[in-house]
Structure formats: structure tokens, C-alpha cells
């Protein structure tokens, strides 16, 4: 295998999720197919499934809050932390050094509206 094209996140409310990711993390969204929505990250996307209205086939236990995802940011963590404070998003842990896919990263941890764990990281 070469890389991830997309993954699917099951959420309680697609519109709430899209608005939160745009406002808090600056992640844009796109509509596709028959009214479907996705979050866009460089060359990858996160397709959004509304709980109870998932598209088939789907994960066996598609549940809001079950995702643990690390996102690499070009924005320095100090700036991200200031922005998160303004948005009243609690930082659960960090900054802390971790091992990423391509080397060391420095990370902070937050939760989205569905309580998915998001690790926001800077390389190095």
C-alpha cells in the first residue's frame, strides 16, 4: 500500500462537525455524491457519516467518539493553543514529544464535538 486516501468518521451531526472543524482547526469541507460531506486535508479527506444514516458498507461498530487521529500542523503549537483558548477548547494533554510516522513530533490533545481524540502536532 502507498498512502491513505480517505477515512470515515461517524458523527452525531454532520453540520455541527463541519462548522467546528472549520472554526477551530481551519479545515475546509466539500460536498460530494448525493449530499455527502467530507473534511479536506491536503491530498486526503475524512468522509462524514451521520450516526444512524451511515453509507454502506460501513465499519462494524461505527460510533461517534471512537476516532483517535493525529493531524500535523504548520501553525506553531503556541499559536494553536492561543486559538484553542479563544475557542474554549480544552487541551487535555501537552505539549508533549511523540514519535510520528516520519520522526519526532510535539503534540497537544483535544476533543471534537463527538469526543473524538485529536492530536495536533508540529514536526520536530
N, C-alpha and C. Protein backbone atom coordinates (compact mmCIF):
# COMPACT_ATOMS: atom_id res chain seq x y z
N UNK A 1 0.83 -1.18 0.00
CA UNK A 1 0.00 0.00 0.00
C UNK A 1 0.87 1.24 0.00
N UNK A 2 0.33 2.33 -0.50
CA UNK A 2 1.11 3.55 -0.66
C UNK A 2 0.77 4.62 0.37
N UNK A 3 -0.51 4.99 0.52
CA UNK A 3 -0.91 6.02 1.48
C UNK A 3 -2.41 5.95 1.70
N UNK A 4 -2.89 6.73 2.65
CA UNK A 4 -4.32 6.79 2.95
C UNK A 4 -4.98 7.79 2.00
N UNK A 5 -6.06 7.39 1.37
CA UNK A 5 -6.84 8.28 0.52
C UNK A 5 -7.89 9.01 1.36
N UNK A 6 -8.65 8.25 2.13
CA UNK A 6 -9.66 8.84 2.99
C UNK A 6 -9.95 7.89 4.14
N UNK A 7 -10.59 8.43 5.16
CA UNK A 7 -11.14 7.62 6.23
C UNK A 7 -12.52 8.15 6.52
N UNK A 8 -13.29 7.40 7.31
CA UNK A 8 -14.67 7.79 7.59
C UNK A 8 -14.82 8.03 9.08
N UNK A 9 -15.48 9.12 9.40
CA UNK A 9 -15.77 9.46 10.78
C UNK A 9 -17.30 9.52 10.94
N UNK A 10 -17.82 8.74 11.88
CA UNK A 10 -19.24 8.77 12.19
C UNK A 10 -19.48 9.85 13.24
N UNK A 11 -20.45 10.71 13.00
CA UNK A 11 -20.69 11.85 13.89
C UNK A 11 -22.18 11.96 14.23
N UNK A 12 -22.46 12.66 15.31
CA UNK A 12 -23.85 12.89 15.71
C UNK A 12 -24.55 13.85 14.76
N UNK A 13 -23.81 14.88 14.28
CA UNK A 13 -24.41 15.90 13.43
C UNK A 13 -23.35 16.41 12.45
N UNK A 14 -23.53 16.11 11.18
CA UNK A 14 -22.54 16.48 10.16
C UNK A 14 -22.31 17.99 10.12
N UNK A 15 -23.36 18.79 10.15
CA UNK A 15 -23.20 20.24 10.05
C UNK A 15 -22.45 20.81 11.25
N UNK A 16 -22.74 20.33 12.44
CA UNK A 16 -22.02 20.77 13.64
C UNK A 16 -20.54 20.42 13.51
N UNK A 17 -20.25 19.22 13.04
CA UNK A 17 -18.86 18.77 12.86
C UNK A 17 -18.14 19.64 11.84
N UNK A 18 -18.75 19.86 10.68
CA UNK A 18 -18.13 20.69 9.64
C UNK A 18 -17.83 22.09 10.16
N UNK A 19 -18.81 22.69 10.82
CA UNK A 19 -18.61 24.05 11.35
C UNK A 19 -17.51 24.10 12.40
N UNK A 20 -17.45 23.11 13.29
CA UNK A 20 -16.43 23.08 14.34
C UNK A 20 -15.04 22.94 13.73
N UNK A 21 -14.86 22.01 12.79
CA UNK A 21 -13.54 21.79 12.19
C UNK A 21 -13.08 23.02 11.40
N UNK A 22 -13.99 23.73 10.77
CA UNK A 22 -13.63 24.95 10.07
C UNK A 22 -13.25 26.05 11.06
N UNK A 23 -14.10 26.29 12.05
CA UNK A 23 -13.88 27.38 13.01
C UNK A 23 -12.66 27.12 13.91
N UNK A 24 -12.53 25.93 14.42
CA UNK A 24 -11.49 25.63 15.41
C UNK A 24 -10.17 25.25 14.76
N UNK A 25 -10.21 24.48 13.69
CA UNK A 25 -8.96 23.99 13.09
C UNK A 25 -8.69 24.52 11.68
N UNK A 26 -9.62 25.29 11.12
CA UNK A 26 -9.40 25.84 9.79
C UNK A 26 -9.46 24.80 8.68
N UNK A 27 -10.10 23.67 8.95
CA UNK A 27 -10.20 22.59 7.96
C UNK A 27 -11.45 22.83 7.12
N UNK A 28 -11.26 22.89 5.83
CA UNK A 28 -12.36 23.13 4.90
C UNK A 28 -13.12 21.83 4.63
N UNK A 29 -14.31 21.98 4.08
CA UNK A 29 -15.12 20.81 3.75
C UNK A 29 -15.54 20.88 2.28
N UNK A 30 -16.05 19.77 1.81
CA UNK A 30 -16.57 19.69 0.45
C UNK A 30 -17.77 18.78 0.44
N UNK A 31 -18.71 19.07 -0.44
CA UNK A 31 -19.85 18.20 -0.66
C UNK A 31 -19.54 17.33 -1.87
N UNK A 32 -20.05 16.11 -1.84
CA UNK A 32 -19.85 15.21 -2.98
C UNK A 32 -20.98 14.20 -3.00
N UNK A 33 -21.07 13.47 -4.10
CA UNK A 33 -22.09 12.43 -4.20
C UNK A 33 -23.48 12.96 -3.97
N UNK A 34 -24.29 12.19 -3.29
CA UNK A 34 -25.68 12.54 -3.01
C UNK A 34 -25.80 13.22 -1.65
N UNK A 35 -25.31 14.47 -1.55
CA UNK A 35 -25.41 15.22 -0.33
C UNK A 35 -24.41 14.85 0.75
N UNK A 36 -23.38 14.12 0.41
CA UNK A 36 -22.37 13.72 1.38
C UNK A 36 -21.40 14.86 1.61
N UNK A 37 -20.71 14.84 2.76
CA UNK A 37 -19.73 15.87 3.09
C UNK A 37 -18.45 15.22 3.59
N UNK A 38 -17.34 15.95 3.38
CA UNK A 38 -16.04 15.48 3.83
C UNK A 38 -15.22 16.67 4.30
N UNK A 39 -14.29 16.39 5.21
CA UNK A 39 -13.28 17.36 5.61
C UNK A 39 -12.07 17.14 4.74
N UNK A 40 -11.44 18.23 4.28
CA UNK A 40 -10.33 18.12 3.33
C UNK A 40 -9.00 18.44 3.99
N UNK A 41 -8.04 17.55 3.81
CA UNK A 41 -6.69 17.69 4.35
C UNK A 41 -5.69 17.39 3.25
N UNK A 42 -5.11 18.41 2.65
CA UNK A 42 -4.10 18.22 1.61
C UNK A 42 -4.62 17.23 0.56
N UNK A 43 -4.05 16.04 0.48
CA UNK A 43 -4.45 15.06 -0.52
C UNK A 43 -5.31 13.94 0.09
N UNK A 44 -5.79 14.16 1.30
CA UNK A 44 -6.64 13.18 1.95
C UNK A 44 -7.96 13.84 2.33
N UNK A 45 -8.93 12.99 2.67
CA UNK A 45 -10.20 13.54 3.15
C UNK A 45 -10.76 12.63 4.23
N UNK A 46 -11.61 13.23 5.04
CA UNK A 46 -12.35 12.50 6.06
C UNK A 46 -13.81 12.57 5.68
N UNK A 47 -14.36 11.47 5.21
CA UNK A 47 -15.77 11.41 4.88
C UNK A 47 -16.58 11.38 6.17
N UNK A 48 -17.69 12.09 6.19
CA UNK A 48 -18.52 12.17 7.38
C UNK A 48 -19.81 11.37 7.19
N UNK A 49 -20.08 10.48 8.14
CA UNK A 49 -21.32 9.73 8.17
C UNK A 49 -22.12 10.18 9.39
N UNK A 50 -23.36 10.51 9.18
CA UNK A 50 -24.24 10.86 10.29
C UNK A 50 -24.69 9.57 10.97
N UNK A 51 -24.58 9.52 12.30
CA UNK A 51 -25.00 8.34 13.06
C UNK A 51 -26.43 7.97 12.69
N UNK A 52 -26.63 6.70 12.39
CA UNK A 52 -27.95 6.20 12.01
C UNK A 52 -28.27 6.36 10.54
N UNK A 53 -27.42 7.09 9.80
CA UNK A 53 -27.63 7.29 8.36
C UNK A 53 -26.34 6.99 7.60
N UNK A 54 -25.57 6.02 8.11
CA UNK A 54 -24.29 5.69 7.50
C UNK A 54 -24.48 5.11 6.10
N UNK A 55 -23.47 5.30 5.27
CA UNK A 55 -23.47 4.74 3.93
C UNK A 55 -22.89 3.34 4.00
N UNK A 56 -23.42 2.45 3.19
CA UNK A 56 -22.95 1.05 3.16
C UNK A 56 -21.91 0.87 2.07
N UNK A 57 -20.95 0.02 2.29
CA UNK A 57 -20.67 -0.66 3.55
C UNK A 57 -20.08 0.30 4.57
N UNK A 58 -20.16 -0.08 5.83
CA UNK A 58 -19.66 0.78 6.90
C UNK A 58 -18.91 -0.07 7.92
N UNK A 59 -18.21 0.61 8.81
CA UNK A 59 -17.50 -0.09 9.88
C UNK A 59 -18.50 -0.89 10.71
N UNK A 60 -18.06 -1.98 11.27
CA UNK A 60 -18.93 -2.85 12.05
C UNK A 60 -19.51 -2.13 13.25
N UNK A 61 -18.70 -1.29 13.90
CA UNK A 61 -19.16 -0.57 15.10
C UNK A 61 -18.96 0.93 14.89
N UNK A 62 -19.62 1.47 13.87
CA UNK A 62 -19.49 2.90 13.55
C UNK A 62 -20.12 3.72 14.68
N UNK A 63 -19.27 4.42 15.44
CA UNK A 63 -19.72 5.12 16.64
C UNK A 63 -19.07 6.49 16.76
N UNK A 64 -19.86 7.53 16.99
CA UNK A 64 -19.24 8.84 17.26
C UNK A 64 -18.33 8.75 18.49
N UNK A 65 -17.19 9.41 18.40
CA UNK A 65 -16.27 9.44 19.53
C UNK A 65 -15.26 8.31 19.56
N UNK A 66 -15.22 7.47 18.54
CA UNK A 66 -14.31 6.33 18.56
C UNK A 66 -13.00 6.57 17.80
N UNK A 67 -12.83 7.77 17.24
CA UNK A 67 -11.65 8.07 16.44
C UNK A 67 -10.54 8.69 17.28
N UNK A 68 -9.33 8.29 17.02
CA UNK A 68 -8.12 8.84 17.63
C UNK A 68 -7.21 9.20 16.46
N UNK A 69 -7.06 10.51 16.18
CA UNK A 69 -6.42 10.96 14.95
C UNK A 69 -5.35 11.99 15.24
N UNK A 70 -4.22 11.87 14.58
CA UNK A 70 -3.13 12.85 14.70
C UNK A 70 -3.09 13.68 13.42
N UNK A 71 -3.14 15.00 13.59
CA UNK A 71 -3.07 15.93 12.47
C UNK A 71 -1.81 16.77 12.60
N UNK A 72 -1.02 16.83 11.54
CA UNK A 72 0.19 17.65 11.51
C UNK A 72 -0.19 19.06 11.07
N UNK A 73 0.31 20.05 11.81
CA UNK A 73 0.00 21.44 11.51
C UNK A 73 1.27 22.24 11.23
N UNK A 74 1.17 23.15 10.27
CA UNK A 74 2.28 24.07 10.00
C UNK A 74 2.25 25.25 10.98
N UNK A 75 1.10 25.46 11.61
CA UNK A 75 0.97 26.54 12.60
C UNK A 75 1.66 26.12 13.89
N UNK A 76 2.53 26.97 14.45
CA UNK A 76 3.20 26.62 15.71
C UNK A 76 2.18 26.30 16.81
N UNK A 77 2.51 25.31 17.64
CA UNK A 77 1.61 24.90 18.70
C UNK A 77 1.24 26.04 19.64
N UNK A 78 2.17 26.97 19.88
CA UNK A 78 1.85 28.09 20.77
C UNK A 78 0.69 28.91 20.20
N UNK A 79 0.68 29.13 18.89
CA UNK A 79 -0.42 29.85 18.25
C UNK A 79 -1.71 29.03 18.28
N UNK A 80 -1.59 27.72 18.03
CA UNK A 80 -2.77 26.85 18.09
C UNK A 80 -3.37 26.88 19.49
N UNK A 81 -2.53 26.82 20.50
CA UNK A 81 -3.01 26.82 21.88
C UNK A 81 -3.73 28.12 22.22
N UNK A 82 -3.22 29.25 21.75
CA UNK A 82 -3.89 30.54 21.96
C UNK A 82 -5.26 30.54 21.28
N UNK A 83 -5.30 30.05 20.05
CA UNK A 83 -6.57 29.99 19.31
C UNK A 83 -7.56 29.07 20.02
N UNK A 84 -7.10 27.91 20.47
CA UNK A 84 -7.99 26.96 21.15
C UNK A 84 -8.56 27.58 22.42
N UNK A 85 -7.74 28.34 23.13
CA UNK A 85 -8.21 29.01 24.34
C UNK A 85 -9.34 29.99 24.00
N UNK A 86 -9.17 30.76 22.92
CA UNK A 86 -10.20 31.71 22.49
C UNK A 86 -11.49 30.98 22.10
N UNK A 87 -11.34 29.79 21.53
CA UNK A 87 -12.50 28.99 21.10
C UNK A 87 -13.07 28.14 22.24
N UNK A 88 -12.47 28.26 23.42
CA UNK A 88 -12.89 27.50 24.61
C UNK A 88 -12.82 25.99 24.40
N UNK A 89 -11.74 25.57 23.74
CA UNK A 89 -11.48 24.14 23.54
C UNK A 89 -10.37 23.75 24.51
N UNK A 90 -10.68 22.83 25.40
CA UNK A 90 -9.72 22.41 26.43
C UNK A 90 -8.61 21.55 25.83
N UNK A 91 -7.40 21.78 26.30
CA UNK A 91 -6.27 20.93 25.94
C UNK A 91 -6.16 19.87 27.02
N UNK A 92 -6.30 18.61 26.62
CA UNK A 92 -6.26 17.50 27.59
C UNK A 92 -4.86 17.16 28.02
N UNK A 93 -3.91 17.28 27.10
CA UNK A 93 -2.53 16.91 27.40
C UNK A 93 -1.61 17.64 26.44
N UNK A 94 -0.42 17.95 26.94
CA UNK A 94 0.60 18.52 26.08
C UNK A 94 0.87 19.97 26.39
N UNK A 95 1.88 20.47 25.72
CA UNK A 95 2.67 19.84 24.65
C UNK A 95 3.56 18.71 25.20
N UNK A 96 3.69 17.69 24.36
CA UNK A 96 4.46 16.51 24.71
C UNK A 96 5.12 15.95 23.45
N UNK A 97 6.34 15.43 23.59
CA UNK A 97 7.05 14.82 22.45
C UNK A 97 6.50 13.42 22.19
N UNK A 98 6.32 13.10 20.93
CA UNK A 98 5.83 11.79 20.49
C UNK A 98 6.61 11.35 19.26
N UNK A 99 6.44 10.08 18.91
CA UNK A 99 7.01 9.56 17.67
C UNK A 99 5.91 9.54 16.61
N UNK A 100 6.08 10.33 15.54
CA UNK A 100 5.13 10.35 14.44
C UNK A 100 5.54 9.38 13.36
N UNK A 101 4.84 9.40 12.27
CA UNK A 101 5.11 8.49 11.16
C UNK A 101 6.46 8.74 10.50
N UNK A 102 6.92 10.00 10.52
CA UNK A 102 8.18 10.32 9.84
C UNK A 102 9.25 10.87 10.78
N UNK A 103 9.02 10.76 12.08
CA UNK A 103 10.01 11.25 13.04
C UNK A 103 9.33 11.87 14.26
N UNK A 104 10.12 12.59 15.04
CA UNK A 104 9.60 13.20 16.26
C UNK A 104 8.59 14.31 15.96
N UNK A 105 7.57 14.39 16.81
CA UNK A 105 6.58 15.45 16.73
C UNK A 105 6.34 15.97 18.15
N UNK A 106 5.86 17.19 18.24
CA UNK A 106 5.41 17.75 19.51
C UNK A 106 3.91 17.94 19.40
N UNK A 107 3.17 17.42 20.38
CA UNK A 107 1.72 17.31 20.26
C UNK A 107 0.97 17.90 21.43
N UNK A 108 -0.27 18.32 21.13
CA UNK A 108 -1.27 18.61 22.14
C UNK A 108 -2.50 17.78 21.80
N UNK A 109 -3.34 17.52 22.79
CA UNK A 109 -4.51 16.68 22.60
C UNK A 109 -5.78 17.45 22.97
N UNK A 110 -6.78 17.36 22.08
CA UNK A 110 -8.08 17.98 22.31
C UNK A 110 -9.18 17.00 21.91
N UNK A 111 -10.42 17.38 22.14
CA UNK A 111 -11.58 16.58 21.73
C UNK A 111 -12.48 17.42 20.83
N UNK A 112 -13.05 16.78 19.81
CA UNK A 112 -14.01 17.46 18.94
C UNK A 112 -15.42 17.34 19.54
N UNK A 113 -16.46 17.85 18.88
CA UNK A 113 -17.81 17.80 19.46
C UNK A 113 -18.32 16.39 19.77
N UNK A 114 -17.81 15.38 19.06
CA UNK A 114 -18.22 13.99 19.31
C UNK A 114 -17.30 13.28 20.30
N UNK A 115 -16.34 14.02 20.86
CA UNK A 115 -15.36 13.49 21.83
C UNK A 115 -14.30 12.60 21.18
N UNK A 116 -14.13 12.72 19.84
CA UNK A 116 -13.00 12.06 19.20
C UNK A 116 -11.73 12.71 19.73
N UNK A 117 -10.68 11.92 19.93
CA UNK A 117 -9.41 12.45 20.40
C UNK A 117 -8.60 12.94 19.19
N UNK A 118 -8.21 14.21 19.23
CA UNK A 118 -7.40 14.80 18.17
C UNK A 118 -6.05 15.18 18.74
N UNK A 119 -5.02 14.65 18.12
CA UNK A 119 -3.65 15.01 18.45
C UNK A 119 -3.21 16.03 17.39
N UNK A 120 -2.91 17.23 17.81
CA UNK A 120 -2.44 18.27 16.91
C UNK A 120 -0.94 18.40 17.11
N UNK A 121 -0.17 18.30 16.03
CA UNK A 121 1.27 18.18 16.19
C UNK A 121 2.06 19.03 15.20
N UNK A 122 3.25 19.40 15.67
CA UNK A 122 4.26 20.04 14.83
C UNK A 122 5.42 19.06 14.68
N UNK A 123 6.00 18.95 13.47
CA UNK A 123 7.16 18.10 13.30
C UNK A 123 8.35 18.63 14.10
N UNK A 124 9.20 17.70 14.53
CA UNK A 124 10.43 18.08 15.21
C UNK A 124 10.30 18.20 16.69
